[in-house]
Amino acid sequence: MNAAAGPSSSDDGDILATLIGMIQSRAKTTAPLDAATRIDGVGIDSFDFVEIIFEVEEKYGIEVDYNANSTFKTTATIGDFAAEIERLVAAKSAA
């Protein structure tokens, strides 16, 4: 199987849309979510976030390095988190 068969940059929007869906299902807001939405502003707690991480890991076959004390410093927005997932998926595909 070649690299084109795995997730690619054309899937970037799909990763963002999937992540938004995962977060929206747990969010305590009905406001629309997008790449610029701050994760800490949607009303999910750390347990919800860990569940989202597990869901992401299972869906994309990656391992997300999660530290509850620093995650929102490096992945403040949904777009930041989607970019990190894209990076991990690309690294896995390149391996």
N, C-alpha and C. Protein backbone atom coordinates (compact mmCIF):
# COMPACT_ATOMS: atom_id res chain seq x y z
N MET A 1 0.85 -1.18 0.00
CA MET A 1 0.00 0.00 0.00
C MET A 1 0.89 1.23 0.00
N ASN A 2 0.59 2.21 -0.83
CA ASN A 2 1.42 3.40 -0.89
C ASN A 2 0.90 4.48 0.04
N ALA A 3 1.70 5.52 0.21
CA ALA A 3 1.33 6.58 1.14
C ALA A 3 0.05 7.29 0.73
N ALA A 4 -0.25 7.29 -0.56
CA ALA A 4 -1.47 7.96 -1.02
C ALA A 4 -2.72 7.29 -0.49
N ALA A 5 -2.62 6.03 -0.11
CA ALA A 5 -3.78 5.32 0.41
C ALA A 5 -4.11 5.72 1.84
N GLY A 6 -3.14 6.27 2.56
CA GLY A 6 -3.36 6.67 3.95
C GLY A 6 -3.85 8.10 4.02
N PRO A 7 -4.04 8.62 5.24
CA PRO A 7 -4.46 10.00 5.39
C PRO A 7 -3.44 10.94 4.77
N SER A 8 -3.89 11.96 4.09
CA SER A 8 -3.00 12.91 3.45
C SER A 8 -3.50 14.32 3.68
N SER A 9 -2.82 15.28 3.08
CA SER A 9 -3.23 16.66 3.27
C SER A 9 -4.65 16.89 2.78
N SER A 10 -5.12 16.08 1.84
CA SER A 10 -6.50 16.24 1.38
C SER A 10 -7.49 15.83 2.45
N ASP A 11 -7.01 15.10 3.46
CA ASP A 11 -7.87 14.68 4.56
C ASP A 11 -7.87 15.68 5.72
N ASP A 12 -7.07 16.76 5.60
CA ASP A 12 -6.95 17.71 6.69
C ASP A 12 -8.30 18.27 7.13
N GLY A 13 -9.14 18.64 6.18
CA GLY A 13 -10.47 19.14 6.51
C GLY A 13 -11.32 18.08 7.17
N ASP A 14 -11.12 16.82 6.75
CA ASP A 14 -11.86 15.72 7.37
C ASP A 14 -11.45 15.56 8.83
N ILE A 15 -10.16 15.69 9.12
CA ILE A 15 -9.69 15.59 10.50
C ILE A 15 -10.32 16.70 11.33
N LEU A 16 -10.30 17.91 10.82
CA LEU A 16 -10.90 19.03 11.54
C LEU A 16 -12.39 18.81 11.76
N ALA A 17 -13.10 18.40 10.71
CA ALA A 17 -14.54 18.17 10.83
C ALA A 17 -14.85 17.05 11.82
N THR A 18 -14.06 15.98 11.77
CA THR A 18 -14.24 14.87 12.70
C THR A 18 -14.00 15.32 14.13
N LEU A 19 -12.93 16.08 14.34
CA LEU A 19 -12.61 16.57 15.67
C LEU A 19 -13.70 17.51 16.19
N ILE A 20 -14.19 18.38 15.34
CA ILE A 20 -15.28 19.28 15.74
C ILE A 20 -16.49 18.46 16.18
N GLY A 21 -16.81 17.42 15.44
CA GLY A 21 -17.94 16.56 15.81
C GLY A 21 -17.74 15.89 17.16
N MET A 22 -16.52 15.40 17.39
CA MET A 22 -16.22 14.76 18.67
C MET A 22 -16.37 15.74 19.84
N ILE A 23 -15.87 16.95 19.63
CA ILE A 23 -15.94 17.96 20.69
C ILE A 23 -17.37 18.44 20.87
N GLN A 24 -18.07 18.68 19.76
CA GLN A 24 -19.45 19.18 19.83
C GLN A 24 -20.34 18.22 20.60
N SER A 25 -20.10 16.91 20.45
CA SER A 25 -20.96 15.93 21.13
C SER A 25 -20.79 15.98 22.65
N ARG A 26 -19.70 16.57 23.12
CA ARG A 26 -19.45 16.65 24.56
C ARG A 26 -19.50 18.09 25.09
N ALA A 27 -19.54 19.05 24.19
CA ALA A 27 -19.49 20.46 24.59
C ALA A 27 -20.75 20.87 25.35
N LYS A 28 -20.55 21.81 26.21
CA LYS A 28 -21.67 22.34 26.99
C LYS A 28 -22.09 23.69 26.42
N THR A 29 -21.95 23.80 25.12
CA THR A 29 -22.36 25.01 24.41
C THR A 29 -23.05 24.59 23.12
N THR A 30 -23.95 25.41 22.68
CA THR A 30 -24.61 25.14 21.40
C THR A 30 -24.06 26.05 20.31
N ALA A 31 -23.09 26.88 20.67
CA ALA A 31 -22.48 27.77 19.69
C ALA A 31 -21.75 26.94 18.64
N PRO A 32 -21.73 27.41 17.41
CA PRO A 32 -21.00 26.68 16.37
C PRO A 32 -19.51 26.65 16.69
N LEU A 33 -18.88 25.54 16.39
CA LEU A 33 -17.45 25.38 16.63
C LEU A 33 -16.72 25.44 15.29
N ASP A 34 -15.50 25.99 15.32
CA ASP A 34 -14.65 26.00 14.14
C ASP A 34 -13.20 25.92 14.58
N ALA A 35 -12.28 26.03 13.63
CA ALA A 35 -10.86 25.88 13.93
C ALA A 35 -10.36 26.91 14.95
N ALA A 36 -10.97 28.08 14.99
CA ALA A 36 -10.52 29.13 15.90
C ALA A 36 -11.12 29.03 17.30
N THR A 37 -12.04 28.11 17.51
CA THR A 37 -12.69 27.97 18.82
C THR A 37 -11.69 27.46 19.85
N ARG A 38 -11.62 28.15 20.97
CA ARG A 38 -10.74 27.70 22.06
C ARG A 38 -11.34 26.47 22.73
N ILE A 39 -10.53 25.45 22.90
CA ILE A 39 -10.99 24.20 23.51
C ILE A 39 -11.46 24.44 24.94
N ASP A 40 -10.73 25.28 25.67
CA ASP A 40 -11.10 25.52 27.06
C ASP A 40 -12.35 26.39 27.20
N GLY A 41 -12.92 26.83 26.09
CA GLY A 41 -14.11 27.66 26.14
C GLY A 41 -15.40 26.96 25.75
N VAL A 42 -15.33 25.64 25.51
CA VAL A 42 -16.54 24.93 25.07
C VAL A 42 -17.19 24.13 26.19
N GLY A 43 -16.60 24.18 27.38
CA GLY A 43 -17.23 23.55 28.53
C GLY A 43 -16.98 22.07 28.68
N ILE A 44 -15.91 21.56 28.06
CA ILE A 44 -15.59 20.15 28.29
C ILE A 44 -14.57 20.08 29.42
N ASP A 45 -14.70 19.05 30.25
CA ASP A 45 -13.75 18.89 31.34
C ASP A 45 -12.61 17.97 30.89
N SER A 46 -11.64 17.77 31.77
CA SER A 46 -10.47 16.98 31.41
C SER A 46 -10.84 15.53 31.10
N PHE A 47 -11.85 14.99 31.77
CA PHE A 47 -12.29 13.62 31.48
C PHE A 47 -12.85 13.54 30.07
N ASP A 48 -13.68 14.52 29.69
CA ASP A 48 -14.20 14.56 28.32
C ASP A 48 -13.06 14.66 27.31
N PHE A 49 -12.06 15.49 27.62
CA PHE A 49 -10.95 15.67 26.70
C PHE A 49 -10.15 14.38 26.55
N VAL A 50 -9.95 13.66 27.65
CA VAL A 50 -9.25 12.38 27.57
C VAL A 50 -10.05 11.40 26.71
N GLU A 51 -11.37 11.39 26.85
CA GLU A 51 -12.19 10.52 26.00
C GLU A 51 -12.05 10.88 24.53
N ILE A 52 -11.98 12.17 24.23
CA ILE A 52 -11.78 12.62 22.85
C ILE A 52 -10.42 12.14 22.35
N ILE A 53 -9.40 12.26 23.18
CA ILE A 53 -8.07 11.80 22.79
C ILE A 53 -8.09 10.31 22.49
N PHE A 54 -8.72 9.51 23.35
CA PHE A 54 -8.82 8.07 23.10
C PHE A 54 -9.52 7.79 21.77
N GLU A 55 -10.59 8.53 21.52
CA GLU A 55 -11.34 8.37 20.27
C GLU A 55 -10.47 8.71 19.06
N VAL A 56 -9.71 9.79 19.15
CA VAL A 56 -8.80 10.21 18.08
C VAL A 56 -7.73 9.14 17.86
N GLU A 57 -7.14 8.66 18.96
CA GLU A 57 -6.09 7.64 18.84
C GLU A 57 -6.61 6.39 18.15
N GLU A 58 -7.80 5.97 18.53
CA GLU A 58 -8.37 4.77 17.94
C GLU A 58 -8.70 5.00 16.46
N LYS A 59 -9.29 6.13 16.14
CA LYS A 59 -9.71 6.41 14.76
C LYS A 59 -8.52 6.50 13.82
N TYR A 60 -7.44 7.16 14.25
CA TYR A 60 -6.32 7.42 13.36
C TYR A 60 -5.11 6.52 13.61
N GLY A 61 -5.17 5.66 14.61
CA GLY A 61 -4.06 4.75 14.89
C GLY A 61 -2.80 5.47 15.31
N ILE A 62 -2.97 6.53 16.10
CA ILE A 62 -1.83 7.32 16.56
C ILE A 62 -1.84 7.37 18.08
N GLU A 63 -0.76 7.91 18.64
CA GLU A 63 -0.69 8.12 20.08
C GLU A 63 -0.51 9.61 20.33
N VAL A 64 -1.44 10.19 21.05
CA VAL A 64 -1.40 11.61 21.38
C VAL A 64 -0.76 11.76 22.75
N ASP A 65 0.32 12.55 22.82
CA ASP A 65 0.98 12.81 24.09
C ASP A 65 0.15 13.84 24.85
N TYR A 66 -0.51 13.40 25.91
CA TYR A 66 -1.42 14.27 26.65
C TYR A 66 -0.89 14.55 28.04
N ASN A 67 -0.79 15.82 28.37
CA ASN A 67 -0.42 16.26 29.71
C ASN A 67 -1.46 17.29 30.12
N ALA A 68 -2.27 16.95 31.10
CA ALA A 68 -3.37 17.83 31.52
C ALA A 68 -2.90 19.22 31.92
N ASN A 69 -1.66 19.33 32.37
CA ASN A 69 -1.15 20.62 32.83
C ASN A 69 -0.68 21.53 31.70
N SER A 70 -0.42 20.96 30.52
CA SER A 70 0.12 21.81 29.45
C SER A 70 -0.62 21.71 28.13
N THR A 71 -1.58 20.82 28.01
CA THR A 71 -2.24 20.61 26.73
C THR A 71 -2.82 21.89 26.15
N PHE A 72 -3.52 22.69 26.94
CA PHE A 72 -4.18 23.87 26.40
C PHE A 72 -3.20 25.00 26.12
N LYS A 73 -1.93 24.85 26.52
CA LYS A 73 -0.93 25.84 26.16
C LYS A 73 -0.45 25.61 24.73
N THR A 74 -0.39 24.36 24.31
CA THR A 74 0.10 24.03 22.97
C THR A 74 -1.02 23.76 21.99
N THR A 75 -2.18 23.40 22.47
CA THR A 75 -3.33 23.14 21.60
C THR A 75 -4.52 23.94 22.12
N ALA A 76 -4.40 25.25 22.05
CA ALA A 76 -5.42 26.13 22.62
C ALA A 76 -6.72 26.09 21.84
N THR A 77 -6.63 25.93 20.52
CA THR A 77 -7.84 25.95 19.70
C THR A 77 -8.09 24.58 19.08
N ILE A 78 -9.29 24.40 18.58
CA ILE A 78 -9.61 23.15 17.89
C ILE A 78 -8.69 22.99 16.68
N GLY A 79 -8.39 24.09 16.00
CA GLY A 79 -7.48 24.04 14.86
C GLY A 79 -6.08 23.60 15.25
N ASP A 80 -5.60 24.07 16.42
CA ASP A 80 -4.29 23.63 16.92
C ASP A 80 -4.28 22.12 17.15
N PHE A 81 -5.34 21.62 17.76
CA PHE A 81 -5.43 20.19 18.05
C PHE A 81 -5.52 19.40 16.75
N ALA A 82 -6.30 19.89 15.79
CA ALA A 82 -6.41 19.22 14.49
C ALA A 82 -5.05 19.19 13.79
N ALA A 83 -4.29 20.29 13.88
CA ALA A 83 -2.96 20.34 13.26
C ALA A 83 -2.03 19.32 13.90
N GLU A 84 -2.12 19.16 15.21
CA GLU A 84 -1.30 18.16 15.90
C GLU A 84 -1.67 16.75 15.45
N ILE A 85 -2.96 16.48 15.31
CA ILE A 85 -3.41 15.18 14.82
C ILE A 85 -2.89 14.95 13.41
N GLU A 86 -2.99 15.97 12.55
CA GLU A 86 -2.49 15.86 11.18
C GLU A 86 -1.00 15.55 11.17
N ARG A 87 -0.24 16.21 12.06
CA ARG A 87 1.21 15.97 12.15
C ARG A 87 1.49 14.53 12.55
N LEU A 88 0.75 14.03 13.54
CA LEU A 88 0.96 12.66 14.01
C LEU A 88 0.56 11.64 12.94
N VAL A 89 -0.52 11.91 12.22
CA VAL A 89 -0.96 11.01 11.15
C VAL A 89 0.09 11.00 10.03
N ALA A 90 0.62 12.17 9.68
CA ALA A 90 1.64 12.25 8.63
C ALA A 90 2.91 11.52 9.05
N ALA A 91 3.30 11.68 10.32
CA ALA A 91 4.50 10.99 10.81
C ALA A 91 4.31 9.49 10.78
N LYS A 92 3.12 9.03 11.12
CA LYS A 92 2.82 7.60 11.08
C LYS A 92 2.88 7.09 9.64
N SER A 93 2.33 7.86 8.71
CA SER A 93 2.32 7.46 7.30
C SER A 93 3.72 7.42 6.73
N ALA A 94 4.60 8.32 7.20
CA ALA A 94 5.96 8.39 6.70
C ALA A 94 6.85 7.29 7.27
N ALA A 95 6.43 6.72 8.39
CA ALA A 95 7.25 5.69 9.06
C ALA A 95 7.23 4.37 8.32
